[in-house]
Amino acid sequence: MSLLDSIHGGFIHKRRLGMLSDYLAKVLLENGSVLDMGCGDGQLAFLIQSKRPDISIKGIDVLVRSTVAIPVMEFDGKHIPFSNGSFDVVTIIDVLHHTVDPMILLREALRVARIGLVIKDHLRQGVLASPTLRLMDWVGNARHGVALYYNYWSPAQWFRAFDALGLRPKVWKDQLGLYRFPFNSLFERSLHFLTLLEKPQPF
């Protein structure tokens, strides 16, 4: 293991998992069924379930790892292999910037979600946002063979997409505290958000 891997694993990745699992455990509905799109090794979903045992979570990923913490099904990155409304909520955690066209997966996620989506991703805003996000992405994902398209959206792009899909943010948080000092001054800033989006419900 390289020094960079040790720093990332010990000082960044573990805290990120803990903070995100706390947030997600609070916003997910009671007794809900969840599809974790792009779940990776499933550790985040596993932590959520340990804090919210009433929630059931399945995962899908384009690259199923040899060791995973939850049930994971492989998919092609465009078509989710479940029928309409199969889950209450779809979580999409730091996934959409790894795609060429995030709208494809957003529409698919909406199709299989009965109530809505939870998205954690990045905001391309502020000084040196793009190179900072590219560095973070490379350090965290390159060694796992994850596709790195560096497709970061500005806040305006995100909200245009939400409007186009008829999604209403019920929760929006853009100060997540994912990094300890001194990493927070470099990598936190205004580069991250987490939102719970409700889809329109028929009367």
N, C-alpha and C. Protein backbone atom coordinates (compact mmCIF):
# COMPACT_ATOMS: atom_id res chain seq x y z
N MET A 1 0.85 -1.20 0.00
CA MET A 1 0.00 0.00 0.00
C MET A 1 0.88 1.25 0.00
N SER A 2 0.58 2.21 -0.87
CA SER A 2 1.39 3.42 -0.97
C SER A 2 1.06 4.38 0.17
N LEU A 3 1.93 5.36 0.37
CA LEU A 3 1.70 6.39 1.39
C LEU A 3 0.42 7.14 1.09
N LEU A 4 0.15 7.41 -0.19
CA LEU A 4 -1.07 8.11 -0.57
C LEU A 4 -2.31 7.30 -0.21
N ASP A 5 -2.26 5.98 -0.46
CA ASP A 5 -3.38 5.11 -0.09
C ASP A 5 -3.59 5.10 1.42
N SER A 6 -2.50 5.08 2.18
CA SER A 6 -2.61 5.07 3.63
C SER A 6 -3.23 6.35 4.15
N ILE A 7 -2.83 7.49 3.62
CA ILE A 7 -3.39 8.76 4.04
C ILE A 7 -4.87 8.84 3.69
N HIS A 8 -5.19 8.44 2.45
CA HIS A 8 -6.58 8.49 2.01
C HIS A 8 -7.46 7.57 2.85
N GLY A 9 -7.00 6.35 3.08
CA GLY A 9 -7.79 5.40 3.84
C GLY A 9 -7.94 5.77 5.29
N GLY A 10 -6.85 6.25 5.91
CA GLY A 10 -6.87 6.53 7.34
C GLY A 10 -7.48 7.86 7.71
N PHE A 11 -7.30 8.88 6.88
CA PHE A 11 -7.71 10.22 7.25
C PHE A 11 -8.92 10.75 6.48
N ILE A 12 -9.23 10.14 5.34
CA ILE A 12 -10.29 10.68 4.50
C ILE A 12 -11.44 9.68 4.33
N HIS A 13 -11.13 8.49 3.84
CA HIS A 13 -12.19 7.54 3.46
C HIS A 13 -13.03 7.11 4.67
N LYS A 14 -12.39 6.79 5.77
CA LYS A 14 -13.13 6.31 6.94
C LYS A 14 -14.07 7.38 7.48
N ARG A 15 -13.59 8.62 7.56
CA ARG A 15 -14.44 9.70 8.04
C ARG A 15 -15.59 9.96 7.07
N ARG A 16 -15.28 9.93 5.77
CA ARG A 16 -16.33 10.14 4.76
C ARG A 16 -17.44 9.12 4.93
N LEU A 17 -17.10 7.85 5.10
CA LEU A 17 -18.12 6.82 5.27
C LEU A 17 -18.96 7.08 6.52
N GLY A 18 -18.30 7.44 7.60
CA GLY A 18 -19.03 7.68 8.84
C GLY A 18 -19.99 8.85 8.73
N MET A 19 -19.52 9.96 8.17
CA MET A 19 -20.36 11.15 8.05
C MET A 19 -21.52 10.91 7.09
N LEU A 20 -21.24 10.32 5.92
CA LEU A 20 -22.31 10.09 4.96
C LEU A 20 -23.34 9.09 5.47
N SER A 21 -22.89 8.05 6.15
CA SER A 21 -23.84 7.08 6.69
C SER A 21 -24.73 7.71 7.74
N ASP A 22 -24.20 8.64 8.53
CA ASP A 22 -25.02 9.36 9.51
C ASP A 22 -26.10 10.18 8.81
N TYR A 23 -25.70 10.94 7.78
CA TYR A 23 -26.67 11.77 7.06
C TYR A 23 -27.75 10.91 6.41
N LEU A 24 -27.33 9.85 5.74
CA LEU A 24 -28.28 9.02 5.01
C LEU A 24 -29.20 8.26 5.96
N ALA A 25 -28.68 7.83 7.08
CA ALA A 25 -29.52 7.13 8.06
C ALA A 25 -30.63 8.04 8.58
N LYS A 26 -30.38 9.35 8.58
CA LYS A 26 -31.37 10.30 9.08
C LYS A 26 -32.45 10.62 8.04
N VAL A 27 -32.09 10.63 6.75
CA VAL A 27 -33.05 11.09 5.75
C VAL A 27 -33.87 9.97 5.11
N LEU A 28 -33.39 8.73 5.19
CA LEU A 28 -34.13 7.65 4.55
C LEU A 28 -35.37 7.28 5.36
N LEU A 29 -36.47 7.00 4.66
CA LEU A 29 -37.74 6.76 5.31
C LEU A 29 -37.76 5.45 6.07
N GLU A 30 -38.66 5.34 7.03
CA GLU A 30 -38.76 4.15 7.85
C GLU A 30 -39.20 2.94 7.03
N ASN A 31 -38.57 1.81 7.34
CA ASN A 31 -38.92 0.53 6.70
C ASN A 31 -38.84 0.60 5.18
N GLY A 32 -37.96 1.44 4.67
CA GLY A 32 -37.88 1.64 3.23
C GLY A 32 -37.00 0.62 2.54
N SER A 33 -37.28 0.44 1.26
CA SER A 33 -36.41 -0.37 0.41
C SER A 33 -35.57 0.57 -0.43
N VAL A 34 -34.26 0.29 -0.49
CA VAL A 34 -33.30 1.20 -1.12
C VAL A 34 -32.46 0.46 -2.14
N LEU A 35 -32.25 1.09 -3.28
CA LEU A 35 -31.29 0.61 -4.27
C LEU A 35 -30.12 1.58 -4.25
N ASP A 36 -28.94 1.06 -3.98
CA ASP A 36 -27.72 1.86 -3.97
C ASP A 36 -27.04 1.71 -5.32
N MET A 37 -27.19 2.72 -6.17
CA MET A 37 -26.63 2.68 -7.52
C MET A 37 -25.16 3.07 -7.49
N GLY A 38 -24.30 2.20 -8.01
CA GLY A 38 -22.88 2.47 -7.97
C GLY A 38 -22.34 2.31 -6.56
N CYS A 39 -22.66 1.19 -5.94
CA CYS A 39 -22.41 0.99 -4.51
C CYS A 39 -20.97 0.67 -4.17
N GLY A 40 -20.12 0.37 -5.17
CA GLY A 40 -18.73 0.05 -4.88
C GLY A 40 -18.61 -1.20 -4.02
N ASP A 41 -17.87 -1.09 -2.92
CA ASP A 41 -17.69 -2.25 -2.05
C ASP A 41 -18.84 -2.45 -1.07
N GLY A 42 -19.83 -1.56 -1.11
CA GLY A 42 -21.02 -1.72 -0.26
C GLY A 42 -20.83 -1.31 1.18
N GLN A 43 -19.66 -0.77 1.53
CA GLN A 43 -19.40 -0.42 2.93
C GLN A 43 -20.32 0.70 3.43
N LEU A 44 -20.60 1.68 2.57
CA LEU A 44 -21.49 2.76 2.99
C LEU A 44 -22.88 2.22 3.28
N ALA A 45 -23.41 1.40 2.39
CA ALA A 45 -24.74 0.81 2.60
C ALA A 45 -24.76 -0.06 3.85
N PHE A 46 -23.68 -0.79 4.08
CA PHE A 46 -23.59 -1.66 5.27
C PHE A 46 -23.65 -0.81 6.55
N LEU A 47 -22.96 0.32 6.56
CA LEU A 47 -23.00 1.20 7.73
C LEU A 47 -24.39 1.79 7.94
N ILE A 48 -25.05 2.15 6.84
CA ILE A 48 -26.42 2.67 6.96
C ILE A 48 -27.33 1.63 7.59
N GLN A 49 -27.23 0.40 7.12
CA GLN A 49 -28.07 -0.66 7.66
C GLN A 49 -27.77 -0.94 9.13
N SER A 50 -26.52 -0.78 9.54
CA SER A 50 -26.19 -0.99 10.95
C SER A 50 -26.82 0.08 11.83
N LYS A 51 -27.03 1.28 11.26
CA LYS A 51 -27.65 2.36 12.00
C LYS A 51 -29.17 2.39 11.83
N ARG A 52 -29.64 1.80 10.74
CA ARG A 52 -31.07 1.76 10.44
C ARG A 52 -31.45 0.34 10.00
N PRO A 53 -31.55 -0.60 10.96
CA PRO A 53 -31.84 -1.99 10.59
C PRO A 53 -33.22 -2.20 9.97
N ASP A 54 -34.07 -1.17 10.02
CA ASP A 54 -35.39 -1.29 9.39
C ASP A 54 -35.32 -1.14 7.88
N ILE A 55 -34.19 -0.66 7.35
CA ILE A 55 -34.04 -0.40 5.93
C ILE A 55 -33.39 -1.61 5.23
N SER A 56 -33.90 -1.95 4.06
CA SER A 56 -33.28 -3.00 3.25
C SER A 56 -32.60 -2.34 2.05
N ILE A 57 -31.36 -2.74 1.79
CA ILE A 57 -30.57 -2.12 0.72
C ILE A 57 -29.97 -3.19 -0.18
N LYS A 58 -30.16 -3.00 -1.48
CA LYS A 58 -29.47 -3.78 -2.49
C LYS A 58 -28.60 -2.84 -3.31
N GLY A 59 -27.55 -3.39 -3.92
CA GLY A 59 -26.65 -2.56 -4.69
C GLY A 59 -26.53 -3.01 -6.14
N ILE A 60 -26.19 -2.06 -7.01
CA ILE A 60 -25.82 -2.37 -8.38
C ILE A 60 -24.56 -1.59 -8.71
N ASP A 61 -23.74 -2.15 -9.58
CA ASP A 61 -22.51 -1.47 -9.99
C ASP A 61 -22.07 -2.05 -11.32
N VAL A 62 -21.35 -1.23 -12.08
CA VAL A 62 -20.82 -1.71 -13.35
C VAL A 62 -19.59 -2.58 -13.13
N LEU A 63 -18.99 -2.45 -11.97
CA LEU A 63 -17.80 -3.23 -11.64
C LEU A 63 -18.02 -3.84 -10.26
N VAL A 64 -18.41 -5.11 -10.23
CA VAL A 64 -18.65 -5.79 -8.96
C VAL A 64 -17.32 -6.28 -8.40
N ARG A 65 -16.98 -5.82 -7.23
CA ARG A 65 -15.70 -6.15 -6.63
C ARG A 65 -15.73 -7.56 -6.02
N SER A 66 -14.56 -8.10 -5.79
CA SER A 66 -14.46 -9.47 -5.27
C SER A 66 -15.00 -9.58 -3.86
N THR A 67 -14.91 -8.49 -3.09
CA THR A 67 -15.43 -8.47 -1.73
C THR A 67 -16.41 -7.32 -1.59
N VAL A 68 -17.66 -7.64 -1.27
CA VAL A 68 -18.68 -6.61 -1.09
C VAL A 68 -19.44 -6.88 0.20
N ALA A 69 -19.98 -5.80 0.79
CA ALA A 69 -20.62 -5.91 2.11
C ALA A 69 -22.13 -6.07 2.04
N ILE A 70 -22.71 -5.91 0.84
CA ILE A 70 -24.15 -6.07 0.65
C ILE A 70 -24.37 -6.86 -0.64
N PRO A 71 -25.59 -7.36 -0.87
CA PRO A 71 -25.86 -8.01 -2.16
C PRO A 71 -25.73 -7.02 -3.31
N VAL A 72 -24.94 -7.37 -4.32
CA VAL A 72 -24.67 -6.47 -5.45
C VAL A 72 -24.92 -7.20 -6.76
N MET A 73 -25.60 -6.51 -7.68
CA MET A 73 -25.85 -7.04 -9.02
C MET A 73 -25.12 -6.17 -10.03
N GLU A 74 -24.52 -6.79 -11.01
CA GLU A 74 -23.84 -6.04 -12.07
C GLU A 74 -24.86 -5.45 -13.03
N PHE A 75 -24.59 -4.23 -13.53
CA PHE A 75 -25.42 -3.64 -14.58
C PHE A 75 -24.56 -2.88 -15.55
N ASP A 76 -25.15 -2.48 -16.67
CA ASP A 76 -24.36 -1.94 -17.77
C ASP A 76 -24.10 -0.44 -17.68
N GLY A 77 -24.54 0.20 -16.61
CA GLY A 77 -24.31 1.62 -16.44
C GLY A 77 -25.34 2.50 -17.11
N LYS A 78 -26.32 1.90 -17.77
CA LYS A 78 -27.37 2.67 -18.45
C LYS A 78 -28.77 2.19 -18.11
N HIS A 79 -28.92 0.87 -17.99
CA HIS A 79 -30.25 0.30 -17.76
C HIS A 79 -30.26 -0.46 -16.44
N ILE A 80 -31.10 -0.01 -15.51
CA ILE A 80 -31.18 -0.66 -14.21
C ILE A 80 -32.03 -1.92 -14.34
N PRO A 81 -31.53 -3.07 -13.91
CA PRO A 81 -32.22 -4.34 -14.14
C PRO A 81 -33.34 -4.63 -13.13
N PHE A 82 -34.21 -3.63 -12.93
CA PHE A 82 -35.38 -3.80 -12.06
C PHE A 82 -36.56 -3.10 -12.71
N SER A 83 -37.76 -3.55 -12.35
CA SER A 83 -38.97 -2.99 -12.93
C SER A 83 -39.34 -1.66 -12.29
N ASN A 84 -40.29 -0.97 -12.90
CA ASN A 84 -40.74 0.34 -12.41
C ASN A 84 -41.19 0.26 -10.95
N GLY A 85 -40.75 1.25 -10.16
CA GLY A 85 -41.19 1.33 -8.78
C GLY A 85 -40.76 0.18 -7.89
N SER A 86 -39.65 -0.45 -8.19
CA SER A 86 -39.19 -1.60 -7.42
C SER A 86 -38.68 -1.23 -6.03
N PHE A 87 -38.26 0.02 -5.86
CA PHE A 87 -37.69 0.47 -4.59
C PHE A 87 -38.35 1.78 -4.17
N ASP A 88 -38.35 2.01 -2.87
CA ASP A 88 -38.85 3.30 -2.39
C ASP A 88 -37.93 4.43 -2.81
N VAL A 89 -36.63 4.22 -2.62
CA VAL A 89 -35.64 5.28 -2.87
C VAL A 89 -34.43 4.68 -3.57
N VAL A 90 -33.83 5.46 -4.46
CA VAL A 90 -32.54 5.11 -5.06
C VAL A 90 -31.51 6.10 -4.54
N THR A 91 -30.41 5.58 -4.00
CA THR A 91 -29.31 6.44 -3.59
C THR A 91 -28.23 6.42 -4.67
N ILE A 92 -27.68 7.61 -4.95
CA ILE A 92 -26.65 7.76 -5.99
C ILE A 92 -25.53 8.60 -5.36
N ILE A 93 -24.56 7.92 -4.80
CA ILE A 93 -23.54 8.58 -3.98
C ILE A 93 -22.23 8.69 -4.75
N ASP A 94 -21.89 9.91 -5.16
CA ASP A 94 -20.65 10.17 -5.90
C ASP A 94 -20.50 9.26 -7.10
N VAL A 95 -21.56 9.20 -7.90
CA VAL A 95 -21.59 8.32 -9.07
C VAL A 95 -21.76 9.10 -10.37
N LEU A 96 -22.63 10.08 -10.38
CA LEU A 96 -23.04 10.71 -11.64
C LEU A 96 -21.91 11.42 -12.36
N HIS A 97 -20.92 11.92 -11.63
CA HIS A 97 -19.80 12.58 -12.32
C HIS A 97 -18.87 11.57 -12.99
N HIS A 98 -19.14 10.28 -12.78
CA HIS A 98 -18.39 9.22 -13.47
C HIS A 98 -19.07 8.80 -14.77
N THR A 99 -20.12 9.51 -15.18
CA THR A 99 -20.85 9.15 -16.39
C THR A 99 -20.71 10.25 -17.44
N VAL A 100 -20.87 9.86 -18.69
CA VAL A 100 -20.83 10.85 -19.78
C VAL A 100 -22.08 11.70 -19.77
N ASP A 101 -23.24 11.09 -19.50
CA ASP A 101 -24.51 11.80 -19.49
C ASP A 101 -25.28 11.40 -18.22
N PRO A 102 -25.18 12.20 -17.15
CA PRO A 102 -25.87 11.86 -15.91
C PRO A 102 -27.39 11.73 -16.05
N MET A 103 -27.98 12.40 -17.02
CA MET A 103 -29.44 12.35 -17.18
C MET A 103 -29.93 10.94 -17.49
N ILE A 104 -29.11 10.13 -18.15
CA ILE A 104 -29.51 8.76 -18.45
C ILE A 104 -29.78 7.99 -17.16
N LEU A 105 -28.85 8.07 -16.23
CA LEU A 105 -29.01 7.35 -14.97
C LEU A 105 -30.05 8.00 -14.08
N LEU A 106 -30.17 9.31 -14.13
CA LEU A 106 -31.21 9.97 -13.33
C LEU A 106 -32.60 9.51 -13.77
N ARG A 107 -32.83 9.41 -15.06
CA ARG A 107 -34.14 8.95 -15.54
C ARG A 107 -34.39 7.49 -15.16
N GLU A 108 -33.34 6.67 -15.26
CA GLU A 108 -33.49 5.27 -14.88
C GLU A 108 -33.75 5.13 -13.38
N ALA A 109 -33.05 5.93 -12.58
CA ALA A 109 -33.26 5.89 -11.14
C ALA A 109 -34.68 6.29 -10.79
N LEU A 110 -35.19 7.31 -11.46
CA LEU A 110 -36.57 7.73 -11.24
C LEU A 110 -37.56 6.64 -11.62
N ARG A 111 -37.25 5.91 -12.66
CA ARG A 111 -38.15 4.86 -13.10
C ARG A 111 -38.33 3.77 -12.04
N VAL A 112 -37.25 3.40 -11.38
CA VAL A 112 -37.35 2.30 -10.40
C VAL A 112 -37.63 2.80 -8.99
N ALA A 113 -37.62 4.11 -8.78
CA ALA A 113 -37.89 4.67 -7.45
C ALA A 113 -39.36 5.03 -7.32
N ARG A 114 -39.95 4.61 -6.22
CA ARG A 114 -41.36 4.92 -5.98
C ARG A 114 -41.54 6.32 -5.39
N ILE A 115 -40.62 6.72 -4.50
CA ILE A 115 -40.78 7.98 -3.78
C ILE A 115 -39.78 9.04 -4.23
N GLY A 116 -38.53 8.67 -4.40
CA GLY A 116 -37.56 9.69 -4.79
C GLY A 116 -36.14 9.20 -4.79
N LEU A 117 -35.21 10.16 -4.85
CA LEU A 117 -33.79 9.89 -4.96
C LEU A 117 -33.03 10.60 -3.85
N VAL A 118 -31.91 10.01 -3.45
CA VAL A 118 -30.95 10.69 -2.60
C VAL A 118 -29.65 10.76 -3.39
N ILE A 119 -29.14 11.96 -3.59
CA ILE A 119 -27.93 12.16 -4.38
C ILE A 119 -26.88 12.86 -3.54
N LYS A 120 -25.67 12.32 -3.54
CA LYS A 120 -24.50 13.04 -3.03
C LYS A 120 -23.54 13.17 -4.21
N ASP A 121 -23.14 14.38 -4.51
CA ASP A 121 -22.22 14.58 -5.62
C ASP A 121 -21.47 15.89 -5.41
N HIS A 122 -20.87 16.39 -6.48
CA HIS A 122 -20.00 17.57 -6.39
C HIS A 122 -20.63 18.78 -7.07
N LEU A 123 -20.15 19.95 -6.65
CA LEU A 123 -20.55 21.22 -7.24
C LEU A 123 -19.31 21.88 -7.84
N ARG A 124 -19.38 22.16 -9.13
CA ARG A 124 -18.27 22.85 -9.80
C ARG A 124 -18.47 24.34 -9.62
N GLN A 125 -17.93 24.84 -8.52
CA GLN A 125 -18.05 26.26 -8.25
C GLN A 125 -16.87 26.71 -7.39
N GLY A 126 -16.48 27.95 -7.56
CA GLY A 126 -15.37 28.48 -6.78
C GLY A 126 -14.04 28.33 -7.50
N VAL A 127 -13.02 28.92 -6.89
CA VAL A 127 -11.67 28.94 -7.46
C VAL A 127 -11.08 27.53 -7.50
N LEU A 128 -10.55 27.14 -8.64
CA LEU A 128 -9.86 25.86 -8.83
C LEU A 128 -10.74 24.65 -8.49
N ALA A 129 -12.04 24.79 -8.67
CA ALA A 129 -12.95 23.68 -8.34
C ALA A 129 -12.65 22.44 -9.19
N SER A 130 -12.54 22.61 -10.50
CA SER A 130 -12.36 21.46 -11.38
C SER A 130 -11.07 20.70 -11.09
N PRO A 131 -9.90 21.36 -11.03
CA PRO A 131 -8.69 20.60 -10.73
C PRO A 131 -8.70 19.95 -9.35
N THR A 132 -9.32 20.59 -8.38
CA THR A 132 -9.41 20.00 -7.04
C THR A 132 -10.25 18.73 -7.08
N LEU A 133 -11.40 18.79 -7.75
CA LEU A 133 -12.28 17.63 -7.84
C LEU A 133 -11.63 16.50 -8.63
N ARG A 134 -10.91 16.85 -9.67
CA ARG A 134 -10.22 15.82 -10.47
C ARG A 134 -9.17 15.10 -9.61
N LEU A 135 -8.44 15.85 -8.79
CA LEU A 135 -7.44 15.24 -7.92
C LEU A 135 -8.12 14.29 -6.91
N MET A 136 -9.21 14.75 -6.30
CA MET A 136 -9.93 13.92 -5.34
C MET A 136 -10.41 12.63 -5.98
N ASP A 137 -10.96 12.77 -7.18
CA ASP A 137 -11.48 11.61 -7.90
C ASP A 137 -10.39 10.61 -8.23
N TRP A 138 -9.27 11.12 -8.70
CA TRP A 138 -8.17 10.24 -9.09
C TRP A 138 -7.62 9.49 -7.88
N VAL A 139 -7.42 10.18 -6.77
CA VAL A 139 -6.87 9.55 -5.57
C VAL A 139 -7.83 8.48 -5.04
N GLY A 140 -9.13 8.79 -5.04
CA GLY A 140 -10.09 7.87 -4.45
C GLY A 140 -10.50 6.71 -5.33
N ASN A 141 -10.38 6.86 -6.66
CA ASN A 141 -11.01 5.87 -7.54
C ASN A 141 -10.12 5.23 -8.60
N ALA A 142 -9.04 5.86 -8.98
CA ALA A 142 -8.24 5.33 -10.10
C ALA A 142 -7.75 3.92 -9.84
N ARG A 143 -7.34 3.63 -8.60
CA ARG A 143 -6.78 2.31 -8.31
C ARG A 143 -7.82 1.21 -8.34
N HIS A 144 -9.11 1.59 -8.30
CA HIS A 144 -10.19 0.60 -8.34
C HIS A 144 -10.70 0.35 -9.76
N GLY A 145 -10.13 1.04 -10.74
CA GLY A 145 -10.57 0.86 -12.12
C GLY A 145 -11.86 1.57 -12.45
N VAL A 146 -12.25 2.55 -11.64
CA VAL A 146 -13.48 3.30 -11.87
C VAL A 146 -13.27 4.27 -13.03
N ALA A 147 -14.27 4.37 -13.91
CA ALA A 147 -14.19 5.31 -15.04
C ALA A 147 -14.13 6.75 -14.51
N LEU A 148 -13.19 7.53 -15.02
CA LEU A 148 -13.01 8.89 -14.55
C LEU A 148 -13.29 9.86 -15.70
N TYR A 149 -14.56 10.29 -15.80
CA TYR A 149 -14.95 11.26 -16.83
C TYR A 149 -14.87 12.70 -16.34
N TYR A 150 -14.75 12.89 -15.02
CA TYR A 150 -14.62 14.22 -14.43
C TYR A 150 -15.74 15.15 -14.89
N ASN A 151 -16.95 14.61 -14.91
CA ASN A 151 -18.10 15.36 -15.41
C ASN A 151 -18.81 16.08 -14.26
N TYR A 152 -18.20 17.17 -13.81
CA TYR A 152 -18.74 17.90 -12.65
C TYR A 152 -19.67 19.01 -13.12
N TRP A 153 -20.84 19.08 -12.50
CA TRP A 153 -21.84 20.08 -12.86
C TRP A 153 -21.81 21.27 -11.91
N SER A 154 -22.14 22.42 -12.45
CA SER A 154 -22.34 23.62 -11.63
C SER A 154 -23.69 23.51 -10.90
N PRO A 155 -23.92 24.32 -9.86
CA PRO A 155 -25.23 24.32 -9.21
C PRO A 155 -26.37 24.57 -10.20
N ALA A 156 -26.17 25.48 -11.16
CA ALA A 156 -27.22 25.78 -12.13
C ALA A 156 -27.56 24.55 -12.97
N GLN A 157 -26.56 23.78 -13.36
CA GLN A 157 -26.81 22.56 -14.13
C GLN A 157 -27.60 21.54 -13.32
N TRP A 158 -27.25 21.37 -12.05
CA TRP A 158 -28.00 20.43 -11.21
C TRP A 158 -29.46 20.83 -11.10
N PHE A 159 -29.72 22.08 -10.83
CA PHE A 159 -31.10 22.50 -10.62
C PHE A 159 -31.90 22.50 -11.93
N ARG A 160 -31.25 22.72 -13.05
CA ARG A 160 -31.95 22.58 -14.33
C ARG A 160 -32.35 21.12 -14.55
N ALA A 161 -31.45 20.21 -14.19
CA ALA A 161 -31.77 18.79 -14.32
C ALA A 161 -32.92 18.39 -13.40
N PHE A 162 -32.90 18.85 -12.16
CA PHE A 162 -33.98 18.53 -11.23
C PHE A 162 -35.31 19.05 -11.75
N ASP A 163 -35.30 20.29 -12.26
CA ASP A 163 -36.53 20.87 -12.80
C ASP A 163 -37.04 20.07 -13.99
N ALA A 164 -36.13 19.68 -14.87
CA ALA A 164 -36.52 18.93 -16.07
C ALA A 164 -37.15 17.60 -15.72
N LEU A 165 -36.74 17.01 -14.60
CA LEU A 165 -37.26 15.72 -14.18
C LEU A 165 -38.43 15.84 -13.20
N GLY A 166 -38.80 17.07 -12.87
CA GLY A 166 -39.91 17.27 -11.94
C GLY A 166 -39.57 16.92 -10.51
N LEU A 167 -38.31 17.01 -10.15
CA LEU A 167 -37.87 16.66 -8.81
C LEU A 167 -37.82 17.88 -7.90
N ARG A 168 -38.28 17.68 -6.67
CA ARG A 168 -38.30 18.77 -5.70
C ARG A 168 -37.37 18.43 -4.53
N PRO A 169 -36.33 19.26 -4.30
CA PRO A 169 -35.45 19.00 -3.16
C PRO A 169 -36.19 19.18 -1.83
N LYS A 170 -36.27 18.10 -1.07
CA LYS A 170 -36.85 18.17 0.28
C LYS A 170 -35.77 18.44 1.32
N VAL A 171 -34.57 17.94 1.05
CA VAL A 171 -33.40 18.18 1.90
C VAL A 171 -32.27 18.62 0.99
N TRP A 172 -31.56 19.67 1.39
CA TRP A 172 -30.38 20.10 0.64
C TRP A 172 -29.31 20.48 1.66
N LYS A 173 -28.15 19.88 1.55
CA LYS A 173 -27.06 20.17 2.48
C LYS A 173 -25.77 20.27 1.69
N ASP A 174 -25.08 21.42 1.80
CA ASP A 174 -23.84 21.60 1.04
C ASP A 174 -22.64 21.92 1.94
N GLN A 175 -22.80 21.71 3.24
CA GLN A 175 -21.68 21.75 4.17
C GLN A 175 -21.70 20.43 4.93
N LEU A 176 -20.93 19.45 4.46
CA LEU A 176 -21.06 18.09 4.96
C LEU A 176 -20.00 17.71 6.00
N GLY A 177 -18.94 18.47 6.11
CA GLY A 177 -17.92 18.16 7.11
C GLY A 177 -17.24 16.81 6.89
N LEU A 178 -16.95 16.49 5.65
CA LEU A 178 -16.39 15.18 5.33
C LEU A 178 -14.91 15.07 5.65
N TYR A 179 -14.24 16.20 5.82
CA TYR A 179 -12.79 16.19 5.97
C TYR A 179 -12.36 16.85 7.27
N ARG A 180 -11.33 16.30 7.89
CA ARG A 180 -10.72 16.91 9.06
C ARG A 180 -9.73 17.99 8.63
N PHE A 181 -9.40 18.86 9.55
CA PHE A 181 -8.33 19.83 9.33
C PHE A 181 -7.01 19.08 9.14
N PRO A 182 -6.16 19.45 8.19
CA PRO A 182 -6.23 20.60 7.30
C PRO A 182 -6.87 20.29 5.95
N PHE A 183 -7.32 19.03 5.75
CA PHE A 183 -7.86 18.64 4.45
C PHE A 183 -9.15 19.39 4.10
N ASN A 184 -9.90 19.81 5.14
CA ASN A 184 -11.17 20.49 4.87
C ASN A 184 -10.98 21.79 4.11
N SER A 185 -9.89 22.51 4.39
CA SER A 185 -9.67 23.78 3.70
C SER A 185 -9.37 23.59 2.22
N LEU A 186 -8.90 22.40 1.87
CA LEU A 186 -8.57 22.11 0.47
C LEU A 186 -9.72 21.44 -0.27
N PHE A 187 -10.35 20.47 0.38
CA PHE A 187 -11.27 19.57 -0.32
C PHE A 187 -12.74 19.73 0.05
N GLU A 188 -13.04 20.48 1.09
CA GLU A 188 -14.45 20.65 1.48
C GLU A 188 -15.04 21.84 0.75
N ARG A 189 -14.68 23.03 1.23
CA ARG A 189 -15.12 24.29 0.62
C ARG A 189 -16.62 24.21 0.27
N SER A 190 -16.97 24.52 -0.98
CA SER A 190 -18.37 24.42 -1.42
C SER A 190 -18.47 23.43 -2.56
N LEU A 191 -17.75 22.31 -2.45
CA LEU A 191 -17.61 21.37 -3.55
C LEU A 191 -18.53 20.16 -3.45
N HIS A 192 -19.28 20.02 -2.35
CA HIS A 192 -20.08 18.82 -2.12
C HIS A 192 -21.52 19.19 -1.79
N PHE A 193 -22.44 18.31 -2.13
CA PHE A 193 -23.82 18.47 -1.69
C PHE A 193 -24.46 17.11 -1.50
N LEU A 194 -25.48 17.09 -0.66
CA LEU A 194 -26.33 15.92 -0.49
C LEU A 194 -27.77 16.40 -0.50
N THR A 195 -28.60 15.73 -1.29
CA THR A 195 -30.00 16.15 -1.39
C THR A 195 -30.94 14.95 -1.42
N LEU A 196 -32.10 15.14 -0.81
CA LEU A 196 -33.21 14.19 -0.92
C LEU A 196 -34.22 14.82 -1.84
N LEU A 197 -34.52 14.15 -2.95
CA LEU A 197 -35.41 14.67 -3.99
C LEU A 197 -36.66 13.82 -4.07
N GLU A 198 -37.82 14.46 -4.00
CA GLU A 198 -39.08 13.75 -4.12
C GLU A 198 -39.61 13.85 -5.53
N LYS A 199 -40.09 12.74 -6.06
CA LYS A 199 -40.69 12.76 -7.38
C LYS A 199 -42.18 13.10 -7.25
N PRO A 200 -42.77 13.66 -8.28
CA PRO A 200 -44.20 14.00 -8.21
C PRO A 200 -45.04 12.76 -7.95
N GLN A 201 -45.98 12.89 -7.03
CA GLN A 201 -46.85 11.78 -6.71
C GLN A 201 -48.23 12.01 -7.32
N PRO A 202 -48.84 10.98 -7.92
CA PRO A 202 -50.19 11.14 -8.50
C PRO A 202 -51.21 11.39 -7.39
N PHE A 203 -52.20 12.19 -7.72
CA PHE A 203 -53.27 12.47 -6.75
C PHE A 203 -54.24 11.29 -6.68
